[in-house]
């Protein structure tokens, strides 16, 4: 598969054995999306205030000028939600991945310190939480470069993974490969295992992400923590059962301004406690999944 083709077949009926460490049935990766402070806003040059993935999604579309309610809903994620969610993981000594928007992290140095201390890996979520498919090629190249430079300053390490907001442009993957230094991207939703693709004649690893096992469902109809917990548990149980013969990976996407609220955080806490009772589940960082795949299933030779 190259960067201009679509693949409707994938691994098909015989997916590879990922050989997860310890013979795990499932690789489970939690992603904390740190976006608050990088979203479209009037202060940063846009014509309106972002409301998506907040309590006001679609409600205040007629606001002229700054939407102060939406701004506060975003700020909750960095002021409160981040610390609550970090506590839940650290109390259980669980690893996770940060999808970090560079500008957002610049605006909260204390969160950057906490991330560095946590040992969580940081996958670049772009310079800003904007629609990459709307950028010109030159603009996107500049955003990639600015994100790398910024995260090196705030986190102390260069990001080795990349994930756009919802949809990459048709140029994104090629630009990442041309930039170099990225081990993988997660701009894909069509599989439950990593896979190799070809970009400009070079092998490139894709570690798929999920908008399904994601707290974005709270902005799309799920209203209670019990509903969301039940959904995640069913997904986990199915993958765990299948993992006896066909191990897969499960990504769980978290947004600090959503799951960071107490009633939703309670559901996350129940799910963390539930999965911790299974000894043959590898709860790990995204970079570790990528490195494992590169080691056990190296890029095929042309």
C-alpha atoms as a PDB file:
ATOM      1  CA  UNK A   1       0.000   0.000   0.000  1.00  0.00           C
ATOM      2  CA  UNK A   2       1.349   3.473  -0.810  1.00  0.00           C
ATOM      3  CA  UNK A   3       0.244   6.880   0.372  1.00  0.00           C
ATOM      4  CA  UNK A   4      -2.239   7.376  -2.487  1.00  0.00           C
ATOM      5  CA  UNK A   5      -4.021   4.010  -2.411  1.00  0.00           C
ATOM      6  CA  UNK A   6      -6.819   2.630  -0.278  1.00  0.00           C
ATOM      7  CA  UNK A   7      -6.607  -0.884   1.130  1.00  0.00           C
ATOM      8  CA  UNK A   8      -9.920  -2.618   1.841  1.00  0.00           C
ATOM      9  CA  UNK A   9      -8.298  -5.986   2.634  1.00  0.00           C
ATOM     10  CA  UNK A  10      -5.700  -5.429   5.323  1.00  0.00           C
ATOM     11  CA  UNK A  11      -4.662  -8.554   7.225  1.00  0.00           C
ATOM     12  CA  UNK A  12      -7.916 -10.313   6.364  1.00  0.00           C
ATOM     13  CA  UNK A  13      -8.779 -13.618   7.979  1.00  0.00           C
ATOM     14  CA  UNK A  14      -5.214 -14.325   9.108  1.00  0.00           C
ATOM     15  CA  UNK A  15      -3.839 -11.385  11.095  1.00  0.00           C
ATOM     16  CA  UNK A  16      -0.263 -11.803  12.320  1.00  0.00           C
ATOM     17  CA  UNK A  17       0.474 -12.851  15.870  1.00  0.00           C
ATOM     18  CA  UNK A  18       1.812  -9.654  17.434  1.00  0.00           C
ATOM     19  CA  UNK A  19       3.688 -11.698  20.045  1.00  0.00           C
ATOM     20  CA  UNK A  20       2.986  -9.131  22.726  1.00  0.00           C
ATOM     21  CA  UNK A  21       5.389  -9.246  25.697  1.00  0.00           C
ATOM     22  CA  UNK A  22       4.636 -11.986  28.187  1.00  0.00           C
ATOM     23  CA  UNK A  23       2.249 -13.640  25.758  1.00  0.00           C
ATOM     24  CA  UNK A  24      -0.387 -11.002  26.471  1.00  0.00           C
ATOM     25  CA  UNK A  25      -3.772 -11.443  24.837  1.00  0.00           C
ATOM     26  CA  UNK A  26      -4.207  -7.721  24.364  1.00  0.00           C
ATOM     27  CA  UNK A  27      -2.092  -4.572  24.168  1.00  0.00           C
ATOM     28  CA  UNK A  28      -4.049  -1.758  25.824  1.00  0.00           C
ATOM     29  CA  UNK A  29      -3.053   1.866  25.287  1.00  0.00           C
ATOM     30  CA  UNK A  30      -4.733   4.828  26.960  1.00  0.00           C
ATOM     31  CA  UNK A  31      -4.330   8.200  25.256  1.00  0.00           C
ATOM     32  CA  UNK A  32      -4.703  11.501  27.102  1.00  0.00           C
ATOM     33  CA  UNK A  33      -5.398  14.182  24.514  1.00  0.00           C
ATOM     34  CA  UNK A  34      -3.865  17.432  25.770  1.00  0.00           C
ATOM     35  CA  UNK A  35      -5.464  20.079  23.512  1.00  0.00           C
ATOM     36  CA  UNK A  36      -6.694  22.852  25.774  1.00  0.00           C
ATOM     37  CA  UNK A  37      -5.066  26.131  24.773  1.00  0.00           C
ATOM     38  CA  UNK A  38      -4.327  25.172  21.171  1.00  0.00           C
ATOM     39  CA  UNK A  39      -7.917  25.015  19.886  1.00  0.00           C
ATOM     40  CA  UNK A  40      -9.264  27.579  17.389  1.00  0.00           C
ATOM     41  CA  UNK A  41      -9.920  30.841  19.201  1.00  0.00           C
ATOM     42  CA  UNK A  42     -10.291  34.497  18.420  1.00  0.00           C
ATOM     43  CA  UNK A  43      -7.185  35.268  20.452  1.00  0.00           C
ATOM     44  CA  UNK A  44      -5.145  32.957  18.180  1.00  0.00           C
ATOM     45  CA  UNK A  45      -6.477  34.358  14.937  1.00  0.00           C
ATOM     46  CA  UNK A  46      -9.647  32.423  14.139  1.00  0.00           C
ATOM     47  CA  UNK A  47     -13.019  34.043  13.542  1.00  0.00           C
ATOM     48  CA  UNK A  48     -14.846  32.090  16.246  1.00  0.00           C
ATOM     49  CA  UNK A  49     -14.361  30.092  19.437  1.00  0.00           C
ATOM     50  CA  UNK A  50     -14.032  26.301  19.268  1.00  0.00           C
ATOM     51  CA  UNK A  51     -16.837  24.434  21.048  1.00  0.00           C
ATOM     52  CA  UNK A  52     -16.301  20.851  19.867  1.00  0.00           C
ATOM     53  CA  UNK A  53     -15.977  18.080  22.464  1.00  0.00           C
ATOM     54  CA  UNK A  54     -17.380  20.267  25.226  1.00  0.00           C
ATOM     55  CA  UNK A  55     -20.744  20.603  26.931  1.00  0.00           C
ATOM     56  CA  UNK A  56     -21.548  23.435  24.523  1.00  0.00           C
ATOM     57  CA  UNK A  57     -20.873  21.487  21.305  1.00  0.00           C
ATOM     58  CA  UNK A  58     -23.293  22.844  18.717  1.00  0.00           C
ATOM     59  CA  UNK A  59     -25.233  24.945  21.236  1.00  0.00           C
ATOM     60  CA  UNK A  60     -23.599  28.354  20.983  1.00  0.00           C
ATOM     61  CA  UNK A  61     -23.017  28.550  17.244  1.00  0.00           C
ATOM     62  CA  UNK A  62     -24.610  32.005  17.068  1.00  0.00           C
ATOM     63  CA  UNK A  63     -22.236  33.678  19.514  1.00  0.00           C
ATOM     64  CA  UNK A  64     -20.602  36.765  18.015  1.00  0.00           C
ATOM     65  CA  UNK A  65     -17.077  37.342  19.205  1.00  0.00           C
ATOM     66  CA  UNK A  66     -15.500  35.310  21.981  1.00  0.00           C
ATOM     67  CA  UNK A  67     -17.570  32.494  23.475  1.00  0.00           C
ATOM     68  CA  UNK A  68     -16.507  32.798  27.112  1.00  0.00           C
ATOM     69  CA  UNK A  69     -18.532  29.749  28.146  1.00  0.00           C
ATOM     70  CA  UNK A  70     -16.720  27.515  25.659  1.00  0.00           C
ATOM     71  CA  UNK A  71     -13.378  28.973  26.683  1.00  0.00           C
ATOM     72  CA  UNK A  72     -14.072  28.023  30.291  1.00  0.00           C
ATOM     73  CA  UNK A  73     -15.082  24.505  29.301  1.00  0.00           C
ATOM     74  CA  UNK A  74     -11.742  24.055  27.559  1.00  0.00           C
ATOM     75  CA  UNK A  75      -9.812  25.573  30.456  1.00  0.00           C
ATOM     76  CA  UNK A  76     -11.405  23.060  32.826  1.00  0.00           C
ATOM     77  CA  UNK A  77      -9.448  20.344  31.020  1.00  0.00           C
ATOM     78  CA  UNK A  78      -6.057  21.865  31.751  1.00  0.00           C
ATOM     79  CA  UNK A  79      -6.888  23.406  35.140  1.00  0.00           C
ATOM     80  CA  UNK A  80      -8.693  20.419  36.685  1.00  0.00           C
ATOM     81  CA  UNK A  81      -9.274  17.460  34.383  1.00  0.00           C
ATOM     82  CA  UNK A  82      -5.608  16.848  33.595  1.00  0.00           C
ATOM     83  CA  UNK A  83      -4.683  16.486  37.246  1.00  0.00           C
ATOM     84  CA  UNK A  84      -7.602  14.197  38.071  1.00  0.00           C
ATOM     85  CA  UNK A  85      -6.916  11.841  35.162  1.00  0.00           C
ATOM     86  CA  UNK A  86      -3.165  11.791  35.842  1.00  0.00           C
ATOM     87  CA  UNK A  87      -3.892  10.868  39.467  1.00  0.00           C
ATOM     88  CA  UNK A  88      -6.073   7.927  38.427  1.00  0.00           C
ATOM     89  CA  UNK A  89      -3.288   6.456  36.306  1.00  0.00           C
ATOM     90  CA  UNK A  90      -0.474   7.164  38.710  1.00  0.00           C
ATOM     91  CA  UNK A  91      -2.308   5.725  41.711  1.00  0.00           C
ATOM     92  CA  UNK A  92      -2.393   2.461  39.753  1.00  0.00           C
ATOM     93  CA  UNK A  93       1.142   2.756  38.320  1.00  0.00           C
ATOM     94  CA  UNK A  94      -0.334   2.517  34.820  1.00  0.00           C
ATOM     95  CA  UNK A  95       1.412   3.864  31.759  1.00  0.00           C
ATOM     96  CA  UNK A  96      -0.354   5.995  29.155  1.00  0.00           C
ATOM     97  CA  UNK A  97       0.378   8.180  26.137  1.00  0.00           C
ATOM     98  CA  UNK A  98      -0.090  11.921  25.786  1.00  0.00           C
ATOM     99  CA  UNK A  99      -1.345  13.194  22.430  1.00  0.00           C
ATOM    100  CA  UNK A 100       0.119  16.624  23.007  1.00  0.00           C
ATOM    101  CA  UNK A 101      -0.709  19.779  21.070  1.00  0.00           C
ATOM    102  CA  UNK A 102       2.498  21.762  21.296  1.00  0.00           C
ATOM    103  CA  UNK A 103       1.024  25.205  21.876  1.00  0.00           C
ATOM    104  CA  UNK A 104      -1.322  23.884  24.568  1.00  0.00           C
ATOM    105  CA  UNK A 105       1.591  22.411  26.506  1.00  0.00           C
ATOM    106  CA  UNK A 106       3.575  25.624  26.191  1.00  0.00           C
ATOM    107  CA  UNK A 107       0.742  27.356  28.020  1.00  0.00           C
ATOM    108  CA  UNK A 108       0.888  25.065  31.061  1.00  0.00           C
ATOM    109  CA  UNK A 109       4.504  24.537  32.177  1.00  0.00           C
ATOM    110  CA  UNK A 110       3.444  22.709  35.354  1.00  0.00           C
ATOM    111  CA  UNK A 111       1.621  20.093  33.269  1.00  0.00           C
ATOM    112  CA  UNK A 112       4.791  19.635  31.219  1.00  0.00           C
ATOM    113  CA  UNK A 113       6.743  18.958  34.405  1.00  0.00           C
ATOM    114  CA  UNK A 114       4.140  16.395  35.481  1.00  0.00           C
ATOM    115  CA  UNK A 115       4.290  14.668  32.103  1.00  0.00           C
ATOM    116  CA  UNK A 116       8.079  14.504  32.193  1.00  0.00           C
ATOM    117  CA  UNK A 117       7.946  13.029  35.698  1.00  0.00           C
ATOM    118  CA  UNK A 118       5.261  10.484  34.749  1.00  0.00           C
ATOM    119  CA  UNK A 119       7.247   8.595  32.145  1.00  0.00           C
ATOM    120  CA  UNK A 120       4.321   8.826  29.720  1.00  0.00           C
ATOM    121  CA  UNK A 121       5.356   9.177  26.091  1.00  0.00           C
ATOM    122  CA  UNK A 122       4.254  12.225  24.105  1.00  0.00           C
ATOM    123  CA  UNK A 123       2.966  11.761  20.569  1.00  0.00           C
ATOM    124  CA  UNK A 124       2.711  15.046  18.694  1.00  0.00           C
ATOM    125  CA  UNK A 125      -0.903  16.111  18.223  1.00  0.00           C
ATOM    126  CA  UNK A 126       0.223  18.953  16.006  1.00  0.00           C
ATOM    127  CA  UNK A 127       1.310  22.489  16.725  1.00  0.00           C
ATOM    128  CA  UNK A 128      -2.354  23.336  17.299  1.00  0.00           C
ATOM    129  CA  UNK A 129      -5.660  21.447  17.565  1.00  0.00           C
ATOM    130  CA  UNK A 130      -6.874  22.507  14.132  1.00  0.00           C
ATOM    131  CA  UNK A 131      -7.963  20.778  10.942  1.00  0.00           C
ATOM    132  CA  UNK A 132      -4.767  19.810   9.155  1.00  0.00           C
ATOM    133  CA  UNK A 133      -6.616  18.984   5.976  1.00  0.00           C
ATOM    134  CA  UNK A 134      -7.368  22.692   5.649  1.00  0.00           C
ATOM    135  CA  UNK A 135      -3.704  23.708   5.618  1.00  0.00           C
ATOM    136  CA  UNK A 136      -1.640  24.269   2.507  1.00  0.00           C
ATOM    137  CA  UNK A 137       1.379  21.997   2.086  1.00  0.00           C
ATOM    138  CA  UNK A 138       3.768  24.753   3.138  1.00  0.00           C
ATOM    139  CA  UNK A 139       1.625  25.627   6.157  1.00  0.00           C
ATOM    140  CA  UNK A 140       1.513  22.004   7.215  1.00  0.00           C
ATOM    141  CA  UNK A 141       5.277  21.622   6.899  1.00  0.00           C
ATOM    142  CA  UNK A 142       5.675  24.653   9.124  1.00  0.00           C
ATOM    143  CA  UNK A 143       3.215  23.279  11.698  1.00  0.00           C
ATOM    144  CA  UNK A 144       5.087  19.953  11.833  1.00  0.00           C
ATOM    145  CA  UNK A 145       8.404  21.710  12.356  1.00  0.00           C
ATOM    146  CA  UNK A 146       6.997  24.082  15.000  1.00  0.00           C
ATOM    147  CA  UNK A 147       5.434  21.158  16.888  1.00  0.00           C
ATOM    148  CA  UNK A 148       8.726  19.273  16.984  1.00  0.00           C
ATOM    149  CA  UNK A 149      10.725  22.285  18.167  1.00  0.00           C
ATOM    150  CA  UNK A 150       8.131  23.200  20.796  1.00  0.00           C
ATOM    151  CA  UNK A 151       7.824  19.715  22.296  1.00  0.00           C
ATOM    152  CA  UNK A 152      11.589  19.386  22.455  1.00  0.00           C
ATOM    153  CA  UNK A 153      11.612  22.516  24.620  1.00  0.00           C
ATOM    154  CA  UNK A 154       8.640  21.715  26.875  1.00  0.00           C
ATOM    155  CA  UNK A 155       8.911  17.932  27.238  1.00  0.00           C
ATOM    156  CA  UNK A 156      12.629  17.563  26.655  1.00  0.00           C
ATOM    157  CA  UNK A 157      12.427  14.899  23.973  1.00  0.00           C
ATOM    158  CA  UNK A 158      11.590  14.854  20.292  1.00  0.00           C
ATOM    159  CA  UNK A 159       8.169  13.352  19.482  1.00  0.00           C
ATOM    160  CA  UNK A 160       8.449  10.016  17.687  1.00  0.00           C
ATOM    161  CA  UNK A 161       4.757   9.674  16.836  1.00  0.00           C
ATOM    162  CA  UNK A 162       2.213  11.909  15.136  1.00  0.00           C
ATOM    163  CA  UNK A 163      -1.571  12.267  15.194  1.00  0.00           C
ATOM    164  CA  UNK A 164      -3.651  15.009  13.520  1.00  0.00           C
ATOM    165  CA  UNK A 165      -7.004  16.341  14.642  1.00  0.00           C
ATOM    166  CA  UNK A 166      -9.503  13.822  13.193  1.00  0.00           C
ATOM    167  CA  UNK A 167      -8.196  13.767   9.649  1.00  0.00           C
ATOM    168  CA  UNK A 168      -4.780  14.310   8.116  1.00  0.00           C
ATOM    169  CA  UNK A 169      -4.353  16.009   4.776  1.00  0.00           C
ATOM    170  CA  UNK A 170      -3.373  14.008   1.721  1.00  0.00           C
ATOM    171  CA  UNK A 171       0.144  15.352   2.311  1.00  0.00           C
ATOM    172  CA  UNK A 172       0.564  14.666   6.024  1.00  0.00           C
ATOM    173  CA  UNK A 173       2.136  11.216   5.971  1.00  0.00           C
ATOM    174  CA  UNK A 174       4.552  12.124   3.172  1.00  0.00           C
ATOM    175  CA  UNK A 175       5.570  15.306   4.995  1.00  0.00           C
ATOM    176  CA  UNK A 176       6.235  13.333   8.191  1.00  0.00           C
ATOM    177  CA  UNK A 177       8.465  10.887   6.325  1.00  0.00           C
ATOM    178  CA  UNK A 178      10.272  13.723   4.556  1.00  0.00           C
ATOM    179  CA  UNK A 179      10.813  15.490   7.894  1.00  0.00           C
ATOM    180  CA  UNK A 180      12.225  12.278   9.377  1.00  0.00           C
ATOM    181  CA  UNK A 181      12.510  11.236  13.001  1.00  0.00           C
ATOM    182  CA  UNK A 182       8.996   9.820  13.329  1.00  0.00           C
ATOM    183  CA  UNK A 183       8.706   6.104  14.038  1.00  0.00           C
ATOM    184  CA  UNK A 184       4.968   5.999  13.361  1.00  0.00           C
ATOM    185  CA  UNK A 185       1.769   7.922  12.886  1.00  0.00           C
ATOM    186  CA  UNK A 186      -1.696   7.142  14.237  1.00  0.00           C
ATOM    187  CA  UNK A 187      -3.748   8.903  11.564  1.00  0.00           C
ATOM    188  CA  UNK A 188      -5.784   5.808  10.775  1.00  0.00           C
ATOM    189  CA  UNK A 189      -8.866   4.110  12.218  1.00  0.00           C
ATOM    190  CA  UNK A 190      -9.265   1.038  10.027  1.00  0.00           C
ATOM    191  CA  UNK A 191      -7.452  -1.708  11.962  1.00  0.00           C
ATOM    192  CA  UNK A 192      -6.700  -3.149  15.388  1.00  0.00           C
ATOM    193  CA  UNK A 193      -3.040  -3.938  14.718  1.00  0.00           C
ATOM    194  CA  UNK A 194      -0.087  -1.864  13.522  1.00  0.00           C
ATOM    195  CA  UNK A 195       0.890  -2.281   9.894  1.00  0.00           C
ATOM    196  CA  UNK A 196       3.553  -1.133   7.453  1.00  0.00           C
ATOM    197  CA  UNK A 197       2.896   1.054   4.454  1.00  0.00           C
ATOM    198  CA  UNK A 198       5.090   2.592   1.765  1.00  0.00           C
ATOM    199  CA  UNK A 199       5.573   6.354   1.544  1.00  0.00           C
ATOM    200  CA  UNK A 200       7.795   7.650  -1.230  1.00  0.00           C
ATOM    201  CA  UNK A 201       9.411   4.245  -1.516  1.00  0.00           C
ATOM    202  CA  UNK A 202      10.199   4.093   2.211  1.00  0.00           C
ATOM    203  CA  UNK A 203       8.542   1.843   4.823  1.00  0.00           C
ATOM    204  CA  UNK A 204       6.418   3.671   7.374  1.00  0.00           C
ATOM    205  CA  UNK A 205       4.621   2.245  10.405  1.00  0.00           C
ATOM    206  CA  UNK A 206       0.995   3.035  11.198  1.00  0.00           C
ATOM    207  CA  UNK A 207      -0.313   2.405  14.727  1.00  0.00           C
ATOM    208  CA  UNK A 208      -4.108   2.793  14.386  1.00  0.00           C
ATOM    209  CA  UNK A 209      -6.144   4.879  16.809  1.00  0.00           C
ATOM    210  CA  UNK A 210      -9.844   4.738  17.758  1.00  0.00           C
ATOM    211  CA  UNK A 211     -12.659   7.251  17.753  1.00  0.00           C
ATOM    212  CA  UNK A 212     -14.938   4.428  18.925  1.00  0.00           C
ATOM    213  CA  UNK A 213     -13.354   3.513  22.265  1.00  0.00           C
ATOM    214  CA  UNK A 214     -13.215   7.203  23.019  1.00  0.00           C
ATOM    215  CA  UNK A 215     -14.791   9.607  25.488  1.00  0.00           C
ATOM    216  CA  UNK A 216     -15.832  11.704  22.489  1.00  0.00           C
ATOM    217  CA  UNK A 217     -18.981   9.603  22.757  1.00  0.00           C
ATOM    218  CA  UNK A 218     -20.016  11.929  25.594  1.00  0.00           C
ATOM    219  CA  UNK A 219     -20.334  14.645  22.968  1.00  0.00           C
ATOM    220  CA  UNK A 220     -22.234  12.334  20.641  1.00  0.00           C
ATOM    221  CA  UNK A 221     -25.075  10.891  22.706  1.00  0.00           C
ATOM    222  CA  UNK A 222     -23.634   8.881  25.607  1.00  0.00           C
ATOM    223  CA  UNK A 223     -24.862  10.641  28.725  1.00  0.00           C
ATOM    224  CA  UNK A 224     -23.809   8.575  31.747  1.00  0.00           C
ATOM    225  CA  UNK A 225     -20.617   7.066  33.031  1.00  0.00           C
ATOM    226  CA  UNK A 226     -22.319   3.674  33.294  1.00  0.00           C
ATOM    227  CA  UNK A 227     -23.112   3.693  29.572  1.00  0.00           C
ATOM    228  CA  UNK A 228     -19.540   4.518  28.661  1.00  0.00           C
ATOM    229  CA  UNK A 229     -18.038   2.007  31.090  1.00  0.00           C
ATOM    230  CA  UNK A 230     -20.316  -0.710  29.710  1.00  0.00           C
ATOM    231  CA  UNK A 231     -19.268   0.114  26.157  1.00  0.00           C
ATOM    232  CA  UNK A 232     -15.544   0.005  26.968  1.00  0.00           C
ATOM    233  CA  UNK A 233     -15.965  -3.200  28.990  1.00  0.00           C
ATOM    234  CA  UNK A 234     -17.756  -4.921  26.105  1.00  0.00           C
ATOM    235  CA  UNK A 235     -14.995  -3.888  23.705  1.00  0.00           C
ATOM    236  CA  UNK A 236     -12.308  -5.103  26.089  1.00  0.00           C
ATOM    237  CA  UNK A 237     -14.093  -8.396  26.784  1.00  0.00           C
ATOM    238  CA  UNK A 238     -14.498  -9.159  23.079  1.00  0.00           C
ATOM    239  CA  UNK A 239     -10.864  -8.375  22.295  1.00  0.00           C
ATOM    240  CA  UNK A 240      -9.672 -10.331  25.324  1.00  0.00           C
ATOM    241  CA  UNK A 241     -11.706 -13.373  24.283  1.00  0.00           C
ATOM    242  CA  UNK A 242     -10.434 -13.165  20.712  1.00  0.00           C
ATOM    243  CA  UNK A 243      -6.915 -12.694  22.048  1.00  0.00           C
ATOM    244  CA  UNK A 244      -6.713 -16.337  23.011  1.00  0.00           C
ATOM    245  CA  UNK A 245      -5.993 -17.074  19.347  1.00  0.00           C
ATOM    246  CA  UNK A 246      -5.700 -13.635  17.664  1.00  0.00           C
ATOM    247  CA  UNK A 247      -4.234 -10.969  19.968  1.00  0.00           C
ATOM    248  CA  UNK A 248      -4.970  -7.374  19.011  1.00  0.00           C
ATOM    249  CA  UNK A 249      -4.525  -3.870  20.440  1.00  0.00           C
ATOM    250  CA  UNK A 250      -7.093  -1.545  21.985  1.00  0.00           C
ATOM    251  CA  UNK A 251      -6.770   2.237  22.066  1.00  0.00           C
ATOM    252  CA  UNK A 252      -8.858   4.250  24.520  1.00  0.00           C
ATOM    253  CA  UNK A 253      -9.031   7.972  23.751  1.00  0.00           C
ATOM    254  CA  UNK A 254      -9.491  10.423  26.627  1.00  0.00           C
ATOM    255  CA  UNK A 255     -10.066  14.187  26.598  1.00  0.00           C
ATOM    256  CA  UNK A 256      -9.321  16.059  29.791  1.00  0.00           C
ATOM    257  CA  UNK A 257     -12.236  18.493  29.390  1.00  0.00           C
ATOM    258  CA  UNK A 258     -14.611  15.528  29.012  1.00  0.00           C
ATOM    259  CA  UNK A 259     -13.550  12.528  31.093  1.00  0.00           C
ATOM    260  CA  UNK A 260     -11.872  14.831  33.603  1.00  0.00           C
ATOM    261  CA  UNK A 261     -15.264  15.770  35.081  1.00  0.00           C
ATOM    262  CA  UNK A 262     -16.047  13.750  38.225  1.00  0.00           C
ATOM    263  CA  UNK A 263     -18.978  11.634  37.003  1.00  0.00           C
ATOM    264  CA  UNK A 264     -17.078  10.619  33.873  1.00  0.00           C
ATOM    265  CA  UNK A 265     -13.795  10.121  35.716  1.00  0.00           C
ATOM    266  CA  UNK A 266     -15.624   7.664  37.990  1.00  0.00           C
ATOM    267  CA  UNK A 267     -16.376   5.527  34.916  1.00  0.00           C
ATOM    268  CA  UNK A 268     -12.749   5.683  33.814  1.00  0.00           C
ATOM    269  CA  UNK A 269     -11.688   4.663  37.306  1.00  0.00           C
ATOM    270  CA  UNK A 270     -13.990   1.624  37.178  1.00  0.00           C
ATOM    271  CA  UNK A 271     -12.576   0.628  33.816  1.00  0.00           C
ATOM    272  CA  UNK A 272      -8.964   0.972  34.991  1.00  0.00           C
ATOM    273  CA  UNK A 273      -9.724  -1.203  38.002  1.00  0.00           C
ATOM    274  CA  UNK A 274     -11.512  -3.751  35.823  1.00  0.00           C
ATOM    275  CA  UNK A 275      -8.719  -4.232  33.295  1.00  0.00           C
ATOM    276  CA  UNK A 276      -6.108  -4.380  36.060  1.00  0.00           C
ATOM    277  CA  UNK A 277      -7.586  -7.721  37.191  1.00  0.00           C
ATOM    278  CA  UNK A 278      -6.380  -9.429  33.997  1.00  0.00           C
ATOM    279  CA  UNK A 279      -2.744 -10.590  34.242  1.00  0.00           C
ATOM    280  CA  UNK A 280      -2.278 -11.223  30.521  1.00  0.00           C
ATOM    281  CA  UNK A 281      -3.009  -7.700  29.306  1.00  0.00           C
ATOM    282  CA  UNK A 282      -0.134  -5.409  28.331  1.00  0.00           C
ATOM    283  CA  UNK A 283      -1.085  -1.897  29.453  1.00  0.00           C
ATOM    284  CA  UNK A 284       1.546   0.159  27.739  1.00  0.00           C
ATOM    285  CA  UNK A 285       2.609   3.315  25.949  1.00  0.00           C
ATOM    286  CA  UNK A 286       2.059   3.834  22.234  1.00  0.00           C
ATOM    287  CA  UNK A 287       5.774   4.237  21.564  1.00  0.00           C
ATOM    288  CA  UNK A 288       6.365   0.814  23.146  1.00  0.00           C
ATOM    289  CA  UNK A 289       3.791  -0.767  20.828  1.00  0.00           C
ATOM    290  CA  UNK A 290       5.523   0.837  17.843  1.00  0.00           C
ATOM    291  CA  UNK A 291       8.995  -0.279  18.918  1.00  0.00           C
ATOM    292  CA  UNK A 292       7.752  -3.786  19.672  1.00  0.00           C
ATOM    293  CA  UNK A 293       6.201  -4.046  16.220  1.00  0.00           C
ATOM    294  CA  UNK A 294       9.344  -2.780  14.538  1.00  0.00           C
ATOM    295  CA  UNK A 295      11.364  -5.402  16.388  1.00  0.00           C
ATOM    296  CA  UNK A 296       9.061  -8.415  16.024  1.00  0.00           C
ATOM    297  CA  UNK A 297       7.518  -7.522  12.673  1.00  0.00           C
ATOM    298  CA  UNK A 298      10.144  -5.421  10.877  1.00  0.00           C
ATOM    299  CA  UNK A 299       9.339  -3.623   7.659  1.00  0.00           C
ATOM    300  CA  UNK A 300       9.153  -6.021   4.710  1.00  0.00           C
ATOM    301  CA  UNK A 301      11.818  -5.729   2.037  1.00  0.00           C
ATOM    302  CA  UNK A 302      10.657  -4.585  -1.390  1.00  0.00           C
END
